[in-house]
Amino acid sequence: MSGEDILLGKADQLMRRHRSFVASAKSSSGEPAQEDDLDEDLPLLTEVVTADQGAQVDGALRLRLEQLLAGERAAIRREFERWLDEQLPQVVTSAMDGITDRLLGLITRRARAQLLPRLQAMAAQTDKREMLGEDSGRTDSGQPV
């Protein structure tokens, strides 16, 4: 068996012991578990770690954590860029459609309120000029000259 298999086997045994303890919370004699009984199920640290080893482990863990975080940041950045590529054109198109509709409505209202009266006034003056011009160009018989 490899070292990993042995470690997994020990972890599995520990979880089984803990699971049965949680389920019953009683000692093997059927009485409620005493504090001494609880200590028997706890794993003991048997390896002494020196300060140098701790610093090496801290450095290795820090490096690994930085690598993992850099990978996560890159994944987040890629996902954000993908999302923007999908959503931004739709959002801009929707906003532009809304702006176009509002702009067209504004221009239409202003044209009706300001331009239409001017055009009607111009048309009325043209009609008056035509009427005056036609009357002055006629003879007594009512025929144009």
C-alpha atoms as a PDB file:
ATOM      1  CA  MET A   1       0.000   0.000   0.000  1.00  0.00           C
ATOM      2  CA  SER A   2       1.194   3.508  -0.731  1.00  0.00           C
ATOM      3  CA  GLY A   3       1.590   6.187   1.895  1.00  0.00           C
ATOM      4  CA  GLU A   4      -1.520   7.949   0.640  1.00  0.00           C
ATOM      5  CA  ASP A   5      -3.602   4.777   0.991  1.00  0.00           C
ATOM      6  CA  ILE A   6      -2.372   4.272   4.559  1.00  0.00           C
ATOM      7  CA  LEU A   7      -3.174   7.891   5.426  1.00  0.00           C
ATOM      8  CA  LEU A   8      -6.639   7.613   3.895  1.00  0.00           C
ATOM      9  CA  GLY A   9      -7.249   4.380   5.813  1.00  0.00           C
ATOM     10  CA  LYS A  10      -6.324   6.046   9.105  1.00  0.00           C
ATOM     11  CA  ALA A  11      -8.551   9.020   8.330  1.00  0.00           C
ATOM     12  CA  ASP A  12     -11.416   6.661   7.521  1.00  0.00           C
ATOM     13  CA  GLN A  13     -10.928   4.792  10.826  1.00  0.00           C
ATOM     14  CA  LEU A  14     -10.880   8.080  12.732  1.00  0.00           C
ATOM     15  CA  MET A  15     -14.121   9.213  11.084  1.00  0.00           C
ATOM     16  CA  ARG A  16     -15.803   5.898  11.873  1.00  0.00           C
ATOM     17  CA  ARG A  17     -14.796   6.126  15.532  1.00  0.00           C
ATOM     18  CA  HIS A  18     -15.987   9.708  15.707  1.00  0.00           C
ATOM     19  CA  ARG A  19     -19.256   8.854  13.946  1.00  0.00           C
ATOM     20  CA  SER A  20     -20.043   6.045  16.374  1.00  0.00           C
ATOM     21  CA  PHE A  21     -19.156   8.309  19.292  1.00  0.00           C
ATOM     22  CA  VAL A  22     -21.466  11.029  18.071  1.00  0.00           C
ATOM     23  CA  ALA A  23     -24.265   8.554  17.416  1.00  0.00           C
ATOM     24  CA  SER A  24     -24.191   6.923  20.859  1.00  0.00           C
ATOM     25  CA  ALA A  25     -22.233   9.230  23.169  1.00  0.00           C
ATOM     26  CA  LYS A  26     -21.967   6.264  25.547  1.00  0.00           C
ATOM     27  CA  SER A  27     -19.059   4.132  26.626  1.00  0.00           C
ATOM     28  CA  SER A  28     -18.809   0.439  25.718  1.00  0.00           C
ATOM     29  CA  SER A  29     -20.488  -0.457  29.049  1.00  0.00           C
ATOM     30  CA  GLY A  30     -23.661   1.425  28.034  1.00  0.00           C
ATOM     31  CA  GLU A  31     -23.124   4.281  30.491  1.00  0.00           C
ATOM     32  CA  PRO A  32     -22.667   7.883  29.398  1.00  0.00           C
ATOM     33  CA  ALA A  33     -19.136   8.495  28.158  1.00  0.00           C
ATOM     34  CA  GLN A  34     -16.719   9.993  30.670  1.00  0.00           C
ATOM     35  CA  GLU A  35     -14.168  12.645  29.799  1.00  0.00           C
ATOM     36  CA  ASP A  36     -11.377  10.027  29.979  1.00  0.00           C
ATOM     37  CA  ASP A  37     -13.207   7.914  27.385  1.00  0.00           C
ATOM     38  CA  LEU A  38     -13.389  10.925  25.075  1.00  0.00           C
ATOM     39  CA  ASP A  39      -9.616  11.439  25.184  1.00  0.00           C
ATOM     40  CA  GLU A  40      -9.006   7.909  23.946  1.00  0.00           C
ATOM     41  CA  ASP A  41     -10.586   8.696  20.589  1.00  0.00           C
ATOM     42  CA  LEU A  42      -8.507  11.797  19.921  1.00  0.00           C
ATOM     43  CA  PRO A  43      -5.429  11.403  17.717  1.00  0.00           C
ATOM     44  CA  LEU A  44      -2.107  12.368  19.296  1.00  0.00           C
ATOM     45  CA  LEU A  45       0.587  14.471  17.667  1.00  0.00           C
ATOM     46  CA  THR A  46       3.679  12.330  17.749  1.00  0.00           C
ATOM     47  CA  GLU A  47       5.946  14.229  15.341  1.00  0.00           C
ATOM     48  CA  VAL A  48       7.884  17.222  16.650  1.00  0.00           C
ATOM     49  CA  VAL A  49       8.186  20.074  14.170  1.00  0.00           C
ATOM     50  CA  THR A  50      11.151  22.393  14.627  1.00  0.00           C
ATOM     51  CA  ALA A  51      11.051  26.123  13.944  1.00  0.00           C
ATOM     52  CA  ASP A  52      13.087  25.685  10.740  1.00  0.00           C
ATOM     53  CA  GLN A  53      10.694  23.050   9.465  1.00  0.00           C
ATOM     54  CA  GLY A  54       7.757  25.266  10.390  1.00  0.00           C
ATOM     55  CA  ALA A  55       9.243  28.169   8.413  1.00  0.00           C
ATOM     56  CA  GLN A  56       9.782  25.885   5.410  1.00  0.00           C
ATOM     57  CA  VAL A  57       6.226  24.629   5.649  1.00  0.00           C
ATOM     58  CA  ASP A  58       4.918  28.199   6.037  1.00  0.00           C
ATOM     59  CA  GLY A  59       6.910  29.317   3.004  1.00  0.00           C
ATOM     60  CA  ALA A  60       5.741  26.369   0.934  1.00  0.00           C
ATOM     61  CA  LEU A  61       2.144  26.900   2.008  1.00  0.00           C
ATOM     62  CA  ARG A  62       2.377  30.611   1.297  1.00  0.00           C
ATOM     63  CA  LEU A  63       3.804  29.938  -2.173  1.00  0.00           C
ATOM     64  CA  ARG A  64       1.120  27.351  -2.917  1.00  0.00           C
ATOM     65  CA  LEU A  65      -1.591  29.706  -1.641  1.00  0.00           C
ATOM     66  CA  GLU A  66      -0.279  32.518  -3.836  1.00  0.00           C
ATOM     67  CA  GLN A  67      -0.282  30.158  -6.826  1.00  0.00           C
ATOM     68  CA  LEU A  68      -3.846  29.086  -6.091  1.00  0.00           C
ATOM     69  CA  LEU A  69      -4.975  32.689  -5.642  1.00  0.00           C
ATOM     70  CA  ALA A  70      -3.258  33.753  -8.866  1.00  0.00           C
ATOM     71  CA  GLY A  71      -5.054  30.931 -10.663  1.00  0.00           C
ATOM     72  CA  GLU A  72      -8.389  31.937  -9.125  1.00  0.00           C
ATOM     73  CA  ARG A  73      -7.843  35.585 -10.051  1.00  0.00           C
ATOM     74  CA  ALA A  74      -7.064  34.594 -13.639  1.00  0.00           C
ATOM     75  CA  ALA A  75     -10.165  32.379 -13.770  1.00  0.00           C
ATOM     76  CA  ILE A  76     -12.323  35.189 -12.381  1.00  0.00           C
ATOM     77  CA  ARG A  77     -10.851  37.655 -14.871  1.00  0.00           C
ATOM     78  CA  ARG A  78     -11.514  35.247 -17.789  1.00  0.00           C
ATOM     79  CA  GLU A  79     -15.088  34.644 -16.632  1.00  0.00           C
ATOM     80  CA  PHE A  80     -15.677  38.398 -16.235  1.00  0.00           C
ATOM     81  CA  GLU A  81     -14.313  39.046 -19.745  1.00  0.00           C
ATOM     82  CA  ARG A  82     -16.476  36.249 -21.190  1.00  0.00           C
ATOM     83  CA  TRP A  83     -19.527  37.672 -19.425  1.00  0.00           C
ATOM     84  CA  LEU A  84     -18.781  41.172 -20.734  1.00  0.00           C
ATOM     85  CA  ASP A  85     -18.351  39.809 -24.263  1.00  0.00           C
ATOM     86  CA  GLU A  86     -21.782  38.186 -24.014  1.00  0.00           C
ATOM     87  CA  GLN A  87     -23.721  40.865 -22.138  1.00  0.00           C
ATOM     88  CA  LEU A  88     -22.208  44.232 -23.121  1.00  0.00           C
ATOM     89  CA  PRO A  89     -23.437  44.267 -26.737  1.00  0.00           C
ATOM     90  CA  GLN A  90     -26.962  43.415 -25.596  1.00  0.00           C
ATOM     91  CA  VAL A  91     -26.929  46.092 -22.897  1.00  0.00           C
ATOM     92  CA  VAL A  92     -25.532  48.754 -25.245  1.00  0.00           C
ATOM     93  CA  THR A  93     -28.050  47.857 -27.965  1.00  0.00           C
ATOM     94  CA  SER A  94     -30.905  48.020 -25.479  1.00  0.00           C
ATOM     95  CA  ALA A  95     -29.714  51.368 -24.129  1.00  0.00           C
ATOM     96  CA  MET A  96     -29.256  52.765 -27.641  1.00  0.00           C
ATOM     97  CA  ASP A  97     -32.737  51.603 -28.635  1.00  0.00           C
ATOM     98  CA  GLY A  98     -34.112  53.423 -25.624  1.00  0.00           C
ATOM     99  CA  ILE A  99     -32.132  56.561 -26.462  1.00  0.00           C
ATOM    100  CA  THR A 100     -33.248  56.410 -30.102  1.00  0.00           C
ATOM    101  CA  ASP A 101     -36.894  56.065 -29.094  1.00  0.00           C
ATOM    102  CA  ARG A 102     -36.657  58.970 -26.627  1.00  0.00           C
ATOM    103  CA  LEU A 103     -34.776  61.133 -29.141  1.00  0.00           C
ATOM    104  CA  LEU A 104     -37.324  60.460 -31.877  1.00  0.00           C
ATOM    105  CA  GLY A 105     -40.181  61.266 -29.497  1.00  0.00           C
ATOM    106  CA  LEU A 106     -38.503  64.500 -28.375  1.00  0.00           C
ATOM    107  CA  ILE A 107     -37.859  65.630 -31.945  1.00  0.00           C
ATOM    108  CA  THR A 108     -41.447  64.811 -32.948  1.00  0.00           C
ATOM    109  CA  ARG A 109     -42.921  66.790 -30.031  1.00  0.00           C
ATOM    110  CA  ARG A 110     -40.686  69.798 -30.686  1.00  0.00           C
ATOM    111  CA  ALA A 111     -41.424  69.732 -34.423  1.00  0.00           C
ATOM    112  CA  ARG A 112     -45.150  69.730 -33.710  1.00  0.00           C
ATOM    113  CA  ALA A 113     -44.835  72.486 -31.113  1.00  0.00           C
ATOM    114  CA  GLN A 114     -42.351  74.762 -32.918  1.00  0.00           C
ATOM    115  CA  LEU A 115     -41.795  73.840 -36.563  1.00  0.00           C
ATOM    116  CA  LEU A 116     -45.398  73.078 -37.548  1.00  0.00           C
ATOM    117  CA  PRO A 117     -46.703  76.536 -36.498  1.00  0.00           C
ATOM    118  CA  ARG A 118     -43.880  78.201 -38.473  1.00  0.00           C
ATOM    119  CA  LEU A 119     -44.622  76.132 -41.562  1.00  0.00           C
ATOM    120  CA  GLN A 120     -48.334  76.865 -41.243  1.00  0.00           C
ATOM    121  CA  ALA A 121     -47.561  80.589 -40.943  1.00  0.00           C
ATOM    122  CA  MET A 122     -45.320  80.428 -44.013  1.00  0.00           C
ATOM    123  CA  ALA A 123     -48.024  78.576 -45.941  1.00  0.00           C
ATOM    124  CA  ALA A 124     -50.613  81.157 -44.921  1.00  0.00           C
ATOM    125  CA  GLN A 125     -48.354  84.015 -46.130  1.00  0.00           C
ATOM    126  CA  THR A 126     -47.747  82.208 -49.413  1.00  0.00           C
ATOM    127  CA  ASP A 127     -51.496  81.805 -49.861  1.00  0.00           C
ATOM    128  CA  LYS A 128     -51.975  85.538 -49.199  1.00  0.00           C
ATOM    129  CA  ARG A 129     -49.272  86.488 -51.714  1.00  0.00           C
ATOM    130  CA  GLU A 130     -50.783  84.219 -54.329  1.00  0.00           C
ATOM    131  CA  MET A 131     -54.188  85.696 -53.742  1.00  0.00           C
ATOM    132  CA  LEU A 132     -52.870  89.238 -53.957  1.00  0.00           C
ATOM    133  CA  GLY A 133     -50.769  88.405 -56.991  1.00  0.00           C
ATOM    134  CA  GLU A 134     -53.670  86.808 -58.831  1.00  0.00           C
ATOM    135  CA  ASP A 135     -56.022  89.739 -58.126  1.00  0.00           C
ATOM    136  CA  SER A 136     -53.543  92.342 -59.373  1.00  0.00           C
ATOM    137  CA  GLY A 137     -52.782  90.411 -62.568  1.00  0.00           C
ATOM    138  CA  ARG A 138     -56.437  90.082 -63.744  1.00  0.00           C
ATOM    139  CA  THR A 139     -58.298  92.251 -66.219  1.00  0.00           C
ATOM    140  CA  ASP A 140     -61.900  93.391 -65.958  1.00  0.00           C
ATOM    141  CA  SER A 141     -63.087  90.314 -67.786  1.00  0.00           C
ATOM    142  CA  GLY A 142     -61.656  88.123 -65.049  1.00  0.00           C
ATOM    143  CA  GLN A 143     -59.049  86.710 -67.385  1.00  0.00           C
ATOM    144  CA  PRO A 144     -55.372  86.751 -66.443  1.00  0.00           C
ATOM    145  CA  VAL A 145     -53.128  89.019 -68.490  1.00  0.00           C
END
